[in-house]
Amino acid sequence: MRFSSRVFAFAALTVAASCGGGGSDSSAGATGPTTPQTPVVPSSPATPVITTAVSIEDDFFNPANIQVSPGQTVTWTWSTSTTHNVTFSDSGSGDKGGENVTFSKTFPTAGTFNYNCTLHGGMTGTVLVK
């Protein structure tokens, strides 16, 4: 009986020692349920791309953030058969779908114009006019 008490005591000390303590990072070594990975889409550059052409891909604009001069027209071209739209808060949207369909918008004045696809969350972009 004395031997089993020592084994139990050793096991209890081993468990207690493995719990550690005193560290400030409570997530170190933690294992738990994993969250599903989200698909990777091309990231938008920090500096807008100087172009008047945007491609609408499967759930992203390419490039998403662009720069044009006042008076220029930007054309969005669908490169997918999935239905998307290009929506600006200041002037409505170009609701289109299907490959090789286009939507164009002229930007007469300087400013920053945000747009998105209201059908697919996360599809956003910016037109910087300067």
C-alpha atoms as a PDB file:
ATOM      1  CA  MET A   1       0.000   0.000   0.000  1.00  0.00           C
ATOM      2  CA  ARG A   2       2.906   2.301   0.796  1.00  0.00           C
ATOM      3  CA  PHE A   3       4.321   1.858  -2.772  1.00  0.00           C
ATOM      4  CA  SER A   4       1.015   2.841  -4.419  1.00  0.00           C
ATOM      5  CA  SER A   5       0.851   5.977  -2.241  1.00  0.00           C
ATOM      6  CA  ARG A   6       4.287   7.001  -3.482  1.00  0.00           C
ATOM      7  CA  VAL A   7       3.286   6.389  -7.109  1.00  0.00           C
ATOM      8  CA  PHE A   8       0.150   8.465  -6.603  1.00  0.00           C
ATOM      9  CA  ALA A   9       2.148  11.262  -4.947  1.00  0.00           C
ATOM     10  CA  PHE A  10       4.732  11.227  -7.778  1.00  0.00           C
ATOM     11  CA  ALA A  11       1.951  11.393 -10.392  1.00  0.00           C
ATOM     12  CA  ALA A  12       0.284  14.279  -8.573  1.00  0.00           C
ATOM     13  CA  LEU A  13       3.574  16.216  -8.392  1.00  0.00           C
ATOM     14  CA  THR A  14       4.240  15.584 -12.079  1.00  0.00           C
ATOM     15  CA  VAL A  15       0.822  16.929 -13.041  1.00  0.00           C
ATOM     16  CA  ALA A  16       1.218  19.962 -10.779  1.00  0.00           C
ATOM     17  CA  ALA A  17       4.682  20.720 -12.173  1.00  0.00           C
ATOM     18  CA  SER A  18       3.437  20.535 -15.755  1.00  0.00           C
ATOM     19  CA  CYS A  19       0.761  23.139 -15.019  1.00  0.00           C
ATOM     20  CA  GLY A  20       3.526  25.674 -14.407  1.00  0.00           C
ATOM     21  CA  GLY A  21       2.702  29.139 -13.294  1.00  0.00           C
ATOM     22  CA  GLY A  22       4.001  32.612 -13.138  1.00  0.00           C
ATOM     23  CA  GLY A  23       4.144  33.158 -16.899  1.00  0.00           C
ATOM     24  CA  SER A  24       2.155  35.949 -18.422  1.00  0.00           C
ATOM     25  CA  ASP A  25       1.366  34.145 -21.700  1.00  0.00           C
ATOM     26  CA  SER A  26      -1.575  31.924 -20.901  1.00  0.00           C
ATOM     27  CA  SER A  27      -1.862  30.759 -24.504  1.00  0.00           C
ATOM     28  CA  ALA A  28       1.620  29.249 -24.712  1.00  0.00           C
ATOM     29  CA  GLY A  29       1.348  25.564 -25.454  1.00  0.00           C
ATOM     30  CA  ALA A  30      -2.432  25.644 -25.387  1.00  0.00           C
ATOM     31  CA  THR A  31      -4.196  23.226 -27.623  1.00  0.00           C
ATOM     32  CA  GLY A  32      -7.828  23.575 -28.381  1.00  0.00           C
ATOM     33  CA  PRO A  33     -10.255  23.429 -31.214  1.00  0.00           C
ATOM     34  CA  THR A  34      -8.913  24.957 -34.379  1.00  0.00           C
ATOM     35  CA  THR A  35     -10.823  27.501 -36.353  1.00  0.00           C
ATOM     36  CA  PRO A  36     -11.342  26.960 -40.065  1.00  0.00           C
ATOM     37  CA  GLN A  37      -8.897  28.761 -42.320  1.00  0.00           C
ATOM     38  CA  THR A  38     -10.293  31.469 -44.552  1.00  0.00           C
ATOM     39  CA  PRO A  39      -9.243  31.436 -48.181  1.00  0.00           C
ATOM     40  CA  VAL A  40      -6.322  33.640 -49.047  1.00  0.00           C
ATOM     41  CA  VAL A  41      -7.085  36.411 -51.510  1.00  0.00           C
ATOM     42  CA  PRO A  42      -4.591  38.820 -52.963  1.00  0.00           C
ATOM     43  CA  SER A  43      -3.891  41.602 -50.537  1.00  0.00           C
ATOM     44  CA  SER A  44      -4.393  45.180 -51.493  1.00  0.00           C
ATOM     45  CA  PRO A  45      -1.222  47.226 -51.666  1.00  0.00           C
ATOM     46  CA  ALA A  46      -0.810  50.045 -49.179  1.00  0.00           C
ATOM     47  CA  THR A  47      -0.101  52.426 -52.042  1.00  0.00           C
ATOM     48  CA  PRO A  48      -2.853  52.631 -54.670  1.00  0.00           C
ATOM     49  CA  VAL A  49      -2.027  51.335 -58.150  1.00  0.00           C
ATOM     50  CA  ILE A  50      -2.177  53.993 -60.867  1.00  0.00           C
ATOM     51  CA  THR A  51      -4.610  52.478 -63.362  1.00  0.00           C
ATOM     52  CA  THR A  52      -8.064  52.957 -64.845  1.00  0.00           C
ATOM     53  CA  ALA A  53      -8.820  49.224 -65.108  1.00  0.00           C
ATOM     54  CA  VAL A  54     -10.044  46.929 -62.329  1.00  0.00           C
ATOM     55  CA  SER A  55     -10.745  43.235 -62.790  1.00  0.00           C
ATOM     56  CA  ILE A  56     -13.547  41.636 -60.797  1.00  0.00           C
ATOM     57  CA  GLU A  57     -12.375  38.164 -59.809  1.00  0.00           C
ATOM     58  CA  ASP A  58     -13.975  35.473 -57.663  1.00  0.00           C
ATOM     59  CA  ASP A  59     -14.703  37.527 -54.536  1.00  0.00           C
ATOM     60  CA  PHE A  60     -12.071  40.255 -54.892  1.00  0.00           C
ATOM     61  CA  PHE A  61     -11.227  43.330 -56.956  1.00  0.00           C
ATOM     62  CA  ASN A  62      -7.840  43.348 -58.684  1.00  0.00           C
ATOM     63  CA  PRO A  63      -6.350  45.804 -57.904  1.00  0.00           C
ATOM     64  CA  ALA A  64      -8.712  46.912 -55.171  1.00  0.00           C
ATOM     65  CA  ASN A  65      -7.103  50.281 -54.414  1.00  0.00           C
ATOM     66  CA  ILE A  66      -6.325  52.511 -57.370  1.00  0.00           C
ATOM     67  CA  GLN A  67      -5.373  56.106 -58.129  1.00  0.00           C
ATOM     68  CA  VAL A  68      -6.545  58.220 -61.068  1.00  0.00           C
ATOM     69  CA  SER A  69      -6.449  61.874 -62.071  1.00  0.00           C
ATOM     70  CA  PRO A  70      -9.570  64.071 -61.993  1.00  0.00           C
ATOM     71  CA  GLY A  71     -11.692  63.542 -65.087  1.00  0.00           C
ATOM     72  CA  GLN A  72     -10.533  59.974 -65.721  1.00  0.00           C
ATOM     73  CA  THR A  73     -12.920  57.054 -66.174  1.00  0.00           C
ATOM     74  CA  VAL A  74     -12.358  53.755 -64.392  1.00  0.00           C
ATOM     75  CA  THR A  75     -13.678  50.538 -65.929  1.00  0.00           C
ATOM     76  CA  TRP A  76     -14.408  47.413 -63.906  1.00  0.00           C
ATOM     77  CA  THR A  77     -14.424  44.208 -65.975  1.00  0.00           C
ATOM     78  CA  TRP A  78     -15.960  40.979 -64.736  1.00  0.00           C
ATOM     79  CA  SER A  79     -13.465  38.121 -65.111  1.00  0.00           C
ATOM     80  CA  THR A  80     -15.838  35.609 -63.575  1.00  0.00           C
ATOM     81  CA  SER A  81     -19.343  34.405 -64.283  1.00  0.00           C
ATOM     82  CA  THR A  82     -20.264  34.960 -60.630  1.00  0.00           C
ATOM     83  CA  THR A  83     -22.638  37.876 -60.094  1.00  0.00           C
ATOM     84  CA  HIS A  84     -21.019  40.865 -58.383  1.00  0.00           C
ATOM     85  CA  ASN A  85     -21.731  44.563 -58.245  1.00  0.00           C
ATOM     86  CA  VAL A  86     -19.689  47.730 -57.868  1.00  0.00           C
ATOM     87  CA  THR A  87     -21.426  49.993 -55.377  1.00  0.00           C
ATOM     88  CA  PHE A  88     -20.453  53.539 -54.391  1.00  0.00           C
ATOM     89  CA  SER A  89     -22.158  55.170 -51.424  1.00  0.00           C
ATOM     90  CA  ASP A  90     -22.357  58.498 -53.281  1.00  0.00           C
ATOM     91  CA  SER A  91     -23.871  57.401 -56.577  1.00  0.00           C
ATOM     92  CA  GLY A  92     -25.446  53.969 -56.680  1.00  0.00           C
ATOM     93  CA  SER A  93     -24.010  50.917 -58.316  1.00  0.00           C
ATOM     94  CA  GLY A  94     -23.206  49.008 -61.433  1.00  0.00           C
ATOM     95  CA  ASP A  95     -25.023  45.720 -60.947  1.00  0.00           C
ATOM     96  CA  LYS A  96     -23.658  43.296 -63.490  1.00  0.00           C
ATOM     97  CA  GLY A  97     -22.569  39.725 -63.840  1.00  0.00           C
ATOM     98  CA  GLY A  98     -20.971  37.481 -66.366  1.00  0.00           C
ATOM     99  CA  GLU A  99     -17.582  37.362 -67.980  1.00  0.00           C
ATOM    100  CA  ASN A 100     -16.362  40.351 -69.992  1.00  0.00           C
ATOM    101  CA  VAL A 101     -19.173  42.612 -68.763  1.00  0.00           C
ATOM    102  CA  THR A 102     -18.003  46.098 -67.815  1.00  0.00           C
ATOM    103  CA  PHE A 103     -19.039  49.004 -65.611  1.00  0.00           C
ATOM    104  CA  SER A 104     -17.452  52.451 -65.958  1.00  0.00           C
ATOM    105  CA  LYS A 105     -17.494  55.533 -63.752  1.00  0.00           C
ATOM    106  CA  THR A 106     -15.910  58.934 -64.337  1.00  0.00           C
ATOM    107  CA  PHE A 107     -14.360  60.782 -61.393  1.00  0.00           C
ATOM    108  CA  PRO A 108     -14.500  64.531 -62.126  1.00  0.00           C
ATOM    109  CA  THR A 109     -13.176  65.814 -58.790  1.00  0.00           C
ATOM    110  CA  ALA A 110     -10.410  64.953 -56.346  1.00  0.00           C
ATOM    111  CA  GLY A 111     -11.240  62.803 -53.349  1.00  0.00           C
ATOM    112  CA  THR A 112     -11.322  59.273 -52.016  1.00  0.00           C
ATOM    113  CA  PHE A 113     -14.177  57.100 -53.198  1.00  0.00           C
ATOM    114  CA  ASN A 114     -14.858  53.783 -51.478  1.00  0.00           C
ATOM    115  CA  TYR A 115     -16.678  50.999 -53.278  1.00  0.00           C
ATOM    116  CA  ASN A 116     -17.730  47.455 -52.531  1.00  0.00           C
ATOM    117  CA  CYS A 117     -19.705  44.472 -53.737  1.00  0.00           C
ATOM    118  CA  THR A 118     -22.869  44.332 -51.646  1.00  0.00           C
ATOM    119  CA  LEU A 119     -23.359  40.678 -52.570  1.00  0.00           C
ATOM    120  CA  HIS A 120     -20.089  39.439 -51.065  1.00  0.00           C
ATOM    121  CA  GLY A 121     -18.739  40.752 -47.769  1.00  0.00           C
ATOM    122  CA  GLY A 122     -15.099  41.725 -47.810  1.00  0.00           C
ATOM    123  CA  MET A 123     -15.040  42.790 -51.454  1.00  0.00           C
ATOM    124  CA  THR A 124     -13.967  46.399 -51.033  1.00  0.00           C
ATOM    125  CA  GLY A 125     -11.814  48.929 -52.812  1.00  0.00           C
ATOM    126  CA  THR A 126     -10.894  52.578 -53.035  1.00  0.00           C
ATOM    127  CA  VAL A 127     -10.450  55.027 -55.886  1.00  0.00           C
ATOM    128  CA  LEU A 128      -8.116  57.868 -54.929  1.00  0.00           C
ATOM    129  CA  VAL A 129      -8.551  60.818 -57.290  1.00  0.00           C
ATOM    130  CA  LYS A 130      -5.705  63.359 -57.147  1.00  0.00           C
END
